[in-house]
Amino acid sequence: LRIKGSDFMERLYPRFIVIHHTAGFDVSALTIDGYHAKQGFGIKISTPKPLVDEYIRRGFRQVSGGVIVSIGYHYLIRADGTVEKGRPDFIQGAHCTADQMNFRSIGVALTGNFDSKDNPRGQKGHMKPTPAQKTSLKELIFYLMGIYQIPKEHVLGHKNVKHAATRCPGDRFELNI
């Protein structure tokens, strides 16, 4: 569908929430946006204007008629529990290709590397979710479950998605809803 004078953007209506770790240090959503831009995850957002303006104010890359958002996650939870917005909820993710989850889910990432094999001594970020991250994650999950009517059975760790070949979010992460 193409309507003259408008930008058409496929909208996402999430049915799942997929939880990740960033497998790295405690960095901002804007920093992760830079990492994901190098992987080609960018998507142009041109409307609504207040949203575009918000992303520009936050430092995302402004382009003619909009802004490029490359971070693949919809939300990022920092070590201190701060929740930073990534992609808008209505934009498909770039966080989990298995089982078409980029088109069916909200991606939530916690900074840190919770995998004992990949990060045995904390050389790649904090080794388990902080208490503040756990609190914020629980609040965010319940908020998203309420808005989108997502049942708790549809809140998954990345490794628990059908056909996902990953250990993310690591063996030191426990999902308790």
Protein backbone atom coordinates (compact mmCIF):
# COMPACT_ATOMS: atom_id res chain seq x y z
CA LEU A 1 0.00 0.00 0.00
CA ARG A 2 1.40 3.37 -0.96
CA ILE A 3 -0.50 6.52 -0.14
CA LYS A 4 0.69 9.63 -1.93
CA GLY A 5 2.31 12.07 0.42
CA SER A 6 2.88 9.61 3.25
CA ASP A 7 5.64 7.29 4.31
CA PHE A 8 4.47 3.73 4.72
CA MET A 9 6.12 1.79 7.50
CA GLU A 10 5.21 -1.77 8.41
CA ARG A 11 3.95 -1.77 12.00
CA LEU A 12 4.67 -4.40 14.61
CA TYR A 13 2.04 -5.76 16.98
CA PRO A 14 4.08 -7.77 19.48
CA ARG A 15 2.90 -11.14 20.73
CA PHE A 16 6.15 -12.05 22.57
CA ILE A 17 8.88 -10.45 24.66
CA VAL A 18 12.41 -11.74 24.08
CA ILE A 19 15.05 -11.12 26.76
CA HIS A 20 18.75 -10.69 25.90
CA HIS A 21 22.05 -9.71 27.44
CA THR A 22 24.29 -7.40 25.44
CA ALA A 23 27.29 -9.71 26.04
CA GLY A 24 29.33 -6.64 26.88
CA PHE A 25 29.93 -3.73 29.19
CA ASP A 26 27.38 -1.29 30.59
CA VAL A 27 26.99 1.16 27.72
CA SER A 28 24.15 3.37 26.49
CA ALA A 29 21.51 2.61 23.89
CA LEU A 30 23.19 5.20 21.66
CA THR A 31 26.52 3.34 21.90
CA ILE A 32 24.82 0.04 21.01
CA ASP A 33 23.08 1.88 18.16
CA GLY A 34 26.56 2.59 16.78
CA TYR A 35 27.56 -1.08 17.04
CA HIS A 36 24.36 -2.21 15.33
CA ALA A 37 24.69 0.46 12.60
CA LYS A 38 27.95 -1.24 11.54
CA GLN A 39 25.95 -4.47 11.15
CA GLY A 40 23.39 -2.78 8.89
CA PHE A 41 20.47 -2.87 11.35
CA GLY A 42 19.35 0.72 10.69
CA ILE A 43 15.80 1.69 9.90
CA LYS A 44 14.55 5.15 8.97
CA ILE A 45 11.80 6.61 11.11
CA SER A 46 10.02 9.57 9.57
CA THR A 47 6.84 9.86 11.66
CA PRO A 48 5.47 10.91 14.05
CA LYS A 49 7.49 14.11 14.17
CA PRO A 50 7.69 14.36 18.01
CA LEU A 51 9.19 10.85 18.08
CA VAL A 52 11.70 11.72 15.34
CA ASP A 53 12.62 14.89 17.24
CA GLU A 54 13.10 12.90 20.46
CA TYR A 55 15.55 10.50 18.78
CA ILE A 56 17.44 13.40 17.22
CA ARG A 57 17.71 15.08 20.64
CA ARG A 58 19.06 11.82 22.06
CA GLY A 59 21.83 11.83 19.45
CA PHE A 60 20.59 9.33 16.87
CA ARG A 61 21.62 10.00 13.27
CA GLN A 62 19.42 12.58 11.56
CA VAL A 63 18.84 12.13 7.84
CA SER A 64 16.69 13.94 5.35
CA GLY A 65 13.07 13.50 6.47
CA GLY A 66 13.76 11.53 9.63
CA VAL A 67 16.20 9.67 11.81
CA ILE A 68 18.03 6.36 11.53
CA VAL A 69 17.65 4.01 14.50
CA SER A 70 19.98 1.01 14.35
CA ILE A 71 19.82 -0.48 17.82
CA GLY A 72 18.09 -3.82 17.38
CA TYR A 73 16.46 -3.91 20.81
CA HIS A 74 13.33 -2.01 21.80
CA TYR A 75 14.55 -1.47 25.38
CA LEU A 76 17.91 -1.52 27.12
CA ILE A 77 18.30 -1.92 30.88
CA ARG A 78 21.51 -0.45 32.25
CA ALA A 79 23.41 -1.77 35.30
CA ASP A 80 21.89 0.95 37.53
CA GLY A 81 18.37 -0.12 36.46
CA THR A 82 17.80 2.78 34.06
CA VAL A 83 15.58 1.74 31.16
CA GLU A 84 16.57 3.35 27.86
CA LYS A 85 14.36 3.26 24.80
CA GLY A 86 15.79 1.58 21.74
CA ARG A 87 13.61 1.11 18.67
CA PRO A 88 10.02 2.28 18.98
CA ASP A 89 7.71 -0.59 19.92
CA PHE A 90 5.88 -0.40 16.61
CA ILE A 91 9.04 -1.00 14.53
CA GLN A 92 10.23 -4.54 13.82
CA GLY A 93 13.24 -5.53 15.86
CA ALA A 94 16.71 -6.67 14.85
CA HIS A 95 17.37 -8.89 17.84
CA CYS A 96 16.13 -12.43 17.09
CA THR A 97 15.70 -13.91 13.62
CA ALA A 98 14.73 -17.35 14.97
CA ASP A 99 11.02 -18.18 14.62
CA GLN A 100 10.39 -14.77 12.96
CA MET A 101 10.67 -13.07 16.36
CA ASN A 102 11.89 -9.78 14.90
CA PHE A 103 8.39 -9.43 13.46
CA ARG A 104 6.51 -10.78 16.50
CA SER A 105 8.27 -9.52 19.61
CA ILE A 106 9.62 -6.71 21.72
CA GLY A 107 13.35 -7.15 22.35
CA VAL A 108 14.61 -6.23 25.83
CA ALA A 109 18.35 -6.35 26.57
CA LEU A 110 20.21 -6.06 29.84
CA THR A 111 23.76 -4.75 29.70
CA GLY A 112 26.33 -7.29 30.82
CA ASN A 113 27.48 -10.76 29.84
CA PHE A 114 25.79 -13.46 31.89
CA ASP A 115 27.39 -16.45 30.16
CA SER A 116 29.88 -18.32 32.39
CA LYS A 117 31.70 -19.80 29.37
CA ASP A 118 32.11 -16.52 27.47
CA ASN A 119 32.64 -14.31 30.54
CA PRO A 120 34.00 -16.49 33.36
CA ARG A 121 35.64 -13.68 35.37
CA GLY A 122 33.87 -10.49 34.26
CA GLN A 123 36.36 -9.48 31.59
CA LYS A 124 33.45 -8.84 29.18
CA GLY A 125 31.07 -6.94 31.44
CA HIS A 126 29.26 -7.66 34.69
CA MET A 127 28.62 -11.38 35.13
CA LYS A 128 25.02 -11.43 36.34
CA PRO A 129 22.09 -9.02 36.32
CA THR A 130 22.32 -6.39 39.03
CA PRO A 131 19.49 -6.16 41.57
CA ALA A 132 18.46 -2.86 39.92
CA GLN A 133 18.33 -4.55 36.50
CA LYS A 134 16.16 -7.36 37.88
CA THR A 135 13.73 -4.86 39.41
CA SER A 136 13.50 -2.77 36.23
CA LEU A 137 13.16 -5.85 34.03
CA LYS A 138 10.26 -7.16 36.07
CA GLU A 139 8.50 -3.76 36.00
CA LEU A 140 9.08 -3.37 32.24
CA ILE A 141 7.89 -6.90 31.46
CA PHE A 142 4.66 -6.44 33.43
CA TYR A 143 4.11 -3.04 31.77
CA LEU A 144 4.57 -4.51 28.26
CA MET A 145 2.48 -7.59 29.09
CA GLY A 146 -0.34 -5.28 30.16
CA ILE A 147 -0.22 -2.98 27.15
CA TYR A 148 0.04 -5.74 24.53
CA GLN A 149 -1.84 -8.49 26.42
CA ILE A 150 1.16 -10.81 26.21
CA PRO A 151 0.81 -13.93 28.38
CA LYS A 152 3.75 -14.78 30.64
CA GLU A 153 4.34 -17.97 28.61
CA HIS A 154 5.30 -15.66 25.74
CA VAL A 155 8.12 -13.99 27.67
CA LEU A 156 11.24 -15.87 26.61
CA GLY A 157 14.96 -15.78 26.97
CA HIS A 158 16.59 -15.54 23.53
CA LYS A 159 17.97 -19.10 23.89
CA ASN A 160 14.43 -20.38 24.55
CA VAL A 161 13.08 -19.20 21.18
CA LYS A 162 12.44 -22.11 18.83
CA HIS A 163 15.46 -22.65 16.52
CA ALA A 164 17.61 -19.99 18.26
CA ALA A 165 21.25 -21.10 18.19
CA THR A 166 22.49 -19.04 21.14
CA ARG A 167 23.23 -19.18 24.86
CA CYS A 168 21.86 -15.62 25.30
CA PRO A 169 21.03 -14.29 27.88
CA GLY A 170 23.49 -16.67 29.54
CA ASP A 171 23.40 -19.33 32.22
CA ARG A 172 23.67 -16.77 35.03
CA PHE A 173 20.33 -15.22 34.03
CA GLU A 174 17.09 -16.53 35.50
CA LEU A 175 13.74 -15.34 34.21
CA ASN A 176 11.30 -15.18 37.10
CA ILE A 177 7.94 -13.66 36.25
